[in-house]
PDB file of N, CA and C in Angstrom:
ATOM      1  N   MET A   1     -18.018   1.228   3.738  1.00  0.00           N
ATOM      2  CA  MET A   1     -18.293  -0.026   3.064  1.00  0.00           C
ATOM      3  C   MET A   1     -19.635   0.089   2.377  1.00  0.00           C
ATOM      4  N   LYS A   2     -19.706  -0.479   1.184  1.00  0.00           N
ATOM      5  CA  LYS A   2     -20.963  -0.452   0.441  1.00  0.00           C
ATOM      6  C   LYS A   2     -21.307  -1.851  -0.036  1.00  0.00           C
ATOM      7  N   ALA A   3     -22.494  -2.026  -0.518  1.00  0.00           N
ATOM      8  CA  ALA A   3     -22.972  -3.321  -0.977  1.00  0.00           C
ATOM      9  C   ALA A   3     -22.081  -3.821  -2.120  1.00  0.00           C
ATOM     10  N   GLY A   4     -21.713  -5.073  -2.047  1.00  0.00           N
ATOM     11  CA  GLY A   4     -20.875  -5.673  -3.069  1.00  0.00           C
ATOM     12  C   GLY A   4     -19.399  -5.658  -2.752  1.00  0.00           C
ATOM     13  N   ASP A   5     -18.972  -4.872  -1.772  1.00  0.00           N
ATOM     14  CA  ASP A   5     -17.566  -4.855  -1.372  1.00  0.00           C
ATOM     15  C   ASP A   5     -17.221  -6.174  -0.680  1.00  0.00           C
ATOM     16  N   PRO A   6     -16.061  -6.737  -0.989  1.00  0.00           N
ATOM     17  CA  PRO A   6     -15.667  -7.971  -0.292  1.00  0.00           C
ATOM     18  C   PRO A   6     -15.428  -7.708   1.194  1.00  0.00           C
ATOM     19  N   ILE A   7     -15.908  -8.630   1.998  1.00  0.00           N
ATOM     20  CA  ILE A   7     -15.720  -8.510   3.447  1.00  0.00           C
ATOM     21  C   ILE A   7     -14.382  -9.114   3.848  1.00  0.00           C
ATOM     22  N   LEU A   8     -14.033 -10.195   3.163  1.00  0.00           N
ATOM     23  CA  LEU A   8     -12.837 -10.932   3.531  1.00  0.00           C
ATOM     24  C   LEU A   8     -12.248 -11.542   2.268  1.00  0.00           C
ATOM     25  N   GLY A   9     -10.956 -11.449   2.118  1.00  0.00           N
ATOM     26  CA  GLY A   9     -10.283 -12.107   0.993  1.00  0.00           C
ATOM     27  C   GLY A   9      -9.623 -13.381   1.476  1.00  0.00           C
ATOM     28  N   LEU A  10      -9.939 -14.473   0.823  1.00  0.00           N
ATOM     29  CA  LEU A  10      -9.386 -15.758   1.222  1.00  0.00           C
ATOM     30  C   LEU A  10      -8.290 -16.174   0.240  1.00  0.00           C
ATOM     31  N   GLY A  11      -7.245 -16.748   0.751  1.00  0.00           N
ATOM     32  CA  GLY A  11      -6.168 -17.278  -0.072  1.00  0.00           C
ATOM     33  C   GLY A  11      -5.789 -18.644   0.454  1.00  0.00           C
ATOM     34  N   ASN A  12      -5.509 -19.542  -0.449  1.00  0.00           N
ATOM     35  CA  ASN A  12      -5.149 -20.886  -0.037  1.00  0.00           C
ATOM     36  C   ASN A  12      -3.795 -21.216  -0.659  1.00  0.00           C
ATOM     37  N   GLN A  13      -2.739 -20.941   0.100  1.00  0.00           N
ATOM     38  CA  GLN A  13      -1.393 -21.174  -0.407  1.00  0.00           C
ATOM     39  C   GLN A  13      -1.129 -22.656  -0.668  1.00  0.00           C
ATOM     40  N   GLN A  14      -1.684 -23.525   0.151  1.00  0.00           N
ATOM     41  CA  GLN A  14      -1.460 -24.957  -0.051  1.00  0.00           C
ATOM     42  C   GLN A  14      -2.057 -25.411  -1.379  1.00  0.00           C
ATOM     43  N   PHE A  15      -3.258 -24.914  -1.682  1.00  0.00           N
ATOM     44  CA  PHE A  15      -3.897 -25.246  -2.961  1.00  0.00           C
ATOM     45  C   PHE A  15      -3.044 -24.755  -4.120  1.00  0.00           C
ATOM     46  N   GLN A  16      -2.517 -23.542  -4.024  1.00  0.00           N
ATOM     47  CA  GLN A  16      -1.678 -22.996  -5.085  1.00  0.00           C
ATOM     48  C   GLN A  16      -0.394 -23.796  -5.244  1.00  0.00           C
ATOM     49  N   MET A  17       0.210 -24.181  -4.139  1.00  0.00           N
ATOM     50  CA  MET A  17       1.438 -24.987  -4.206  1.00  0.00           C
ATOM     51  C   MET A  17       1.156 -26.366  -4.809  1.00  0.00           C
ATOM     52  N   ASP A  18       0.030 -26.947  -4.444  1.00  0.00           N
ATOM     53  CA  ASP A  18      -0.343 -28.248  -5.015  1.00  0.00           C
ATOM     54  C   ASP A  18      -0.522 -28.131  -6.528  1.00  0.00           C
ATOM     55  N   ALA A  19      -1.161 -27.059  -6.969  1.00  0.00           N
ATOM     56  CA  ALA A  19      -1.377 -26.854  -8.398  1.00  0.00           C
ATOM     57  C   ALA A  19      -0.040 -26.679  -9.122  1.00  0.00           C
ATOM     58  N   ILE A  20       0.866 -25.933  -8.539  1.00  0.00           N
ATOM     59  CA  ILE A  20       2.191 -25.733  -9.135  1.00  0.00           C
ATOM     60  C   ILE A  20       2.955 -27.056  -9.195  1.00  0.00           C
ATOM     61  N   ASN A  21       2.869 -27.841  -8.142  1.00  0.00           N
ATOM     62  CA  ASN A  21       3.548 -29.140  -8.127  1.00  0.00           C
ATOM     63  C   ASN A  21       2.970 -30.082  -9.173  1.00  0.00           C
ATOM     64  N   ARG A  22       1.646 -30.081  -9.320  1.00  0.00           N
ATOM     65  CA  ARG A  22       1.019 -30.938 -10.337  1.00  0.00           C
ATOM     66  C   ARG A  22       1.441 -30.499 -11.737  1.00  0.00           C
ATOM     67  N   GLU A  23       1.540 -29.200 -11.946  1.00  0.00           N
ATOM     68  CA  GLU A  23       1.984 -28.705 -13.251  1.00  0.00           C
ATOM     69  C   GLU A  23       3.424 -29.128 -13.527  1.00  0.00           C
ATOM     70  N   ALA A  24       4.271 -29.048 -12.508  1.00  0.00           N
ATOM     71  CA  ALA A  24       5.664 -29.472 -12.661  1.00  0.00           C
ATOM     72  C   ALA A  24       5.748 -30.969 -12.966  1.00  0.00           C
ATOM     73  N   GLN A  25       4.921 -31.769 -12.300  1.00  0.00           N
ATOM     74  CA  GLN A  25       4.905 -33.200 -12.565  1.00  0.00           C
ATOM     75  C   GLN A  25       4.454 -33.490 -13.998  1.00  0.00           C
ATOM     76  N   LEU A  26       3.466 -32.741 -14.457  1.00  0.00           N
ATOM     77  CA  LEU A  26       2.994 -32.916 -15.829  1.00  0.00           C
ATOM     78  C   LEU A  26       4.100 -32.581 -16.824  1.00  0.00           C
ATOM     79  N   LEU A  27       4.821 -31.507 -16.584  1.00  0.00           N
ATOM     80  CA  LEU A  27       5.930 -31.136 -17.471  1.00  0.00           C
ATOM     81  C   LEU A  27       7.013 -32.206 -17.461  1.00  0.00           C
ATOM     82  N   ASP A  28       7.290 -32.781 -16.307  1.00  0.00           N
ATOM     83  CA  ASP A  28       8.272 -33.881 -16.223  1.00  0.00           C
ATOM     84  C   ASP A  28       7.799 -35.073 -17.050  1.00  0.00           C
ATOM     85  N   GLN A  29       6.531 -35.403 -16.946  1.00  0.00           N
ATOM     86  CA  GLN A  29       5.992 -36.534 -17.699  1.00  0.00           C
ATOM     87  C   GLN A  29       6.049 -36.272 -19.201  1.00  0.00           C
ATOM     88  N   GLN A  30       5.755 -35.032 -19.607  1.00  0.00           N
ATOM     89  CA  GLN A  30       5.837 -34.686 -21.018  1.00  0.00           C
ATOM     90  C   GLN A  30       7.272 -34.802 -21.525  1.00  0.00           C
ATOM     91  N   ASN A  31       8.225 -34.356 -20.726  1.00  0.00           N
ATOM     92  CA  ASN A  31       9.638 -34.476 -21.109  1.00  0.00           C
ATOM     93  C   ASN A  31      10.067 -35.938 -21.185  1.00  0.00           C
ATOM     94  N   ASN A  32       9.609 -36.742 -20.257  1.00  0.00           N
ATOM     95  CA  ASN A  32       9.933 -38.170 -20.284  1.00  0.00           C
ATOM     96  C   ASN A  32       9.357 -38.832 -21.533  1.00  0.00           C
ATOM     97  N   LEU A  33       8.152 -38.449 -21.910  1.00  0.00           N
ATOM     98  CA  LEU A  33       7.533 -38.997 -23.117  1.00  0.00           C
ATOM     99  C   LEU A  33       8.328 -38.593 -24.356  1.00  0.00           C
ATOM    100  N   ARG A  34       8.733 -37.323 -24.425  1.00  0.00           N
ATOM    101  CA  ARG A  34       9.543 -36.859 -25.548  1.00  0.00           C
ATOM    102  C   ARG A  34      10.853 -37.635 -25.638  1.00  0.00           C
ATOM    103  N   ASN A  35      11.493 -37.833 -24.491  1.00  0.00           N
ATOM    104  CA  ASN A  35      12.763 -38.580 -24.477  1.00  0.00           C
ATOM    105  C   ASN A  35      12.555 -40.016 -24.911  1.00  0.00           C
ATOM    106  N   THR A  36      11.466 -40.626 -24.474  1.00  0.00           N
ATOM    107  CA  THR A  36      11.171 -42.005 -24.866  1.00  0.00           C
ATOM    108  C   THR A  36      10.960 -42.092 -26.372  1.00  0.00           C
ATOM    109  N   ARG A  37      10.202 -41.149 -26.922  1.00  0.00           N
ATOM    110  CA  ARG A  37       9.971 -41.154 -28.374  1.00  0.00           C
ATOM    111  C   ARG A  37      11.279 -40.950 -29.131  1.00  0.00           C
ATOM    112  N   LEU A  38      12.106 -40.055 -28.633  1.00  0.00           N
ATOM    113  CA  LEU A  38      13.394 -39.811 -29.276  1.00  0.00           C
ATOM    114  C   LEU A  38      14.251 -41.071 -29.235  1.00  0.00           C
ATOM    115  N   ASN A  39      14.295 -41.743 -28.104  1.00  0.00           N
ATOM    116  CA  ASN A  39      15.077 -42.977 -27.985  1.00  0.00           C
ATOM    117  C   ASN A  39      14.540 -44.056 -28.922  1.00  0.00           C
ATOM    118  N   MET A  40      13.223 -44.143 -29.047  1.00  0.00           N
ATOM    119  CA  MET A  40      12.630 -45.124 -29.958  1.00  0.00           C
ATOM    120  C   MET A  40      13.010 -44.810 -31.402  1.00  0.00           C
ATOM    121  N   ASP A  41      12.965 -43.544 -31.777  1.00  0.00           N
ATOM    122  CA  ASP A  41      13.354 -43.145 -33.126  1.00  0.00           C
ATOM    123  C   ASP A  41      14.812 -43.458 -33.390  1.00  0.00           C
ATOM    124  N   GLN A  42      15.660 -43.182 -32.416  1.00  0.00           N
ATOM    125  CA  GLN A  42      17.088 -43.469 -32.584  1.00  0.00           C
ATOM    126  C   GLN A  42      17.330 -44.963 -32.725  1.00  0.00           C
ATOM    127  N   GLN A  43      16.622 -45.763 -31.937  1.00  0.00           N
ATOM    128  CA  GLN A  43      16.776 -47.211 -32.025  1.00  0.00           C
ATOM    129  C   GLN A  43      16.289 -47.734 -33.368  1.00  0.00           C
ATOM    130  N   THR A  44      15.179 -47.191 -33.847  1.00  0.00           N
ATOM    131  CA  THR A  44      14.654 -47.581 -35.149  1.00  0.00           C
ATOM    132  C   THR A  44      15.661 -47.261 -36.248  1.00  0.00           C
ATOM    133  N   ASN A  45      16.254 -46.087 -36.169  1.00  0.00           N
ATOM    134  CA  ASN A  45      17.263 -45.706 -37.160  1.00  0.00           C
ATOM    135  C   ASN A  45      18.495 -46.612 -37.092  1.00  0.00           C
ATOM    136  N   THR A  46      18.881 -47.003 -35.908  1.00  0.00           N
ATOM    137  CA  THR A  46      20.018 -47.916 -35.752  1.00  0.00           C
ATOM    138  C   THR A  46      19.712 -49.257 -36.389  1.00  0.00           C
ATOM    139  N   TRP A  47      18.528 -49.777 -36.133  1.00  0.00           N
ATOM    140  CA  TRP A  47      18.135 -51.067 -36.729  1.00  0.00           C
ATOM    141  C   TRP A  47      18.076 -50.984 -38.249  1.00  0.00           C
ATOM    142  N   ARG A  48      17.537 -49.882 -38.768  1.00  0.00           N
ATOM    143  CA  ARG A  48      17.480 -49.724 -40.224  1.00  0.00           C
ATOM    144  C   ARG A  48      18.890 -49.700 -40.811  1.00  0.00           C
ATOM    145  N   HIS A  49      19.769 -48.990 -40.158  1.00  0.00           N
ATOM    146  CA  HIS A  49      21.158 -48.925 -40.633  1.00  0.00           C
ATOM    147  C   HIS A  49      21.786 -50.305 -40.607  1.00  0.00           C
ATOM    148  N   GLU A  50      21.555 -51.064 -39.558  1.00  0.00           N
ATOM    149  CA  GLU A  50      22.112 -52.413 -39.444  1.00  0.00           C
ATOM    150  C   GLU A  50      21.539 -53.329 -40.530  1.00  0.00           C
ATOM    151  N   LEU A  51      20.249 -53.191 -40.796  1.00  0.00           N
ATOM    152  CA  LEU A  51      19.638 -54.020 -41.830  1.00  0.00           C
ATOM    153  C   LEU A  51      20.217 -53.711 -43.221  1.00  0.00           C
ATOM    154  N   LEU A  52      20.486 -52.441 -43.468  1.00  0.00           N
ATOM    155  CA  LEU A  52      21.054 -52.061 -44.767  1.00  0.00           C
ATOM    156  C   LEU A  52      22.479 -52.562 -44.931  1.00  0.00           C
ATOM    157  N   ASN A  53      23.155 -52.779 -43.818  1.00  0.00           N
ATOM    158  CA  ASN A  53      24.545 -53.225 -43.864  1.00  0.00           C
ATOM    159  C   ASN A  53      24.695 -54.740 -43.742  1.00  0.00           C
ATOM    160  N   LEU A  54      23.611 -55.479 -43.837  1.00  0.00           N
ATOM    161  CA  LEU A  54      23.695 -56.936 -43.742  1.00  0.00           C
ATOM    162  C   LEU A  54      24.271 -57.585 -45.010  1.00  0.00           C
ATOM    163  N   ASP A  55      24.269 -56.859 -46.079  1.00  0.00           N
ATOM    164  CA  ASP A  55      24.736 -57.396 -47.357  1.00  0.00           C
ATOM    165  C   ASP A  55      26.135 -57.886 -47.283  1.00  0.00           C
TER     166      ASP A  55
END
């Protein structure tokens, strides 16, 4: 052993799992936001179509 060599390597599996879970939750939220925007766009297009057909 020489100066600067690690004495002990620490790993925190719970911390890593928490980080992975938070990333998955973020991806779910991003997908939900995309779906909401898509639904809003579709509804807007439906209303525009209905307004054009009021004649």
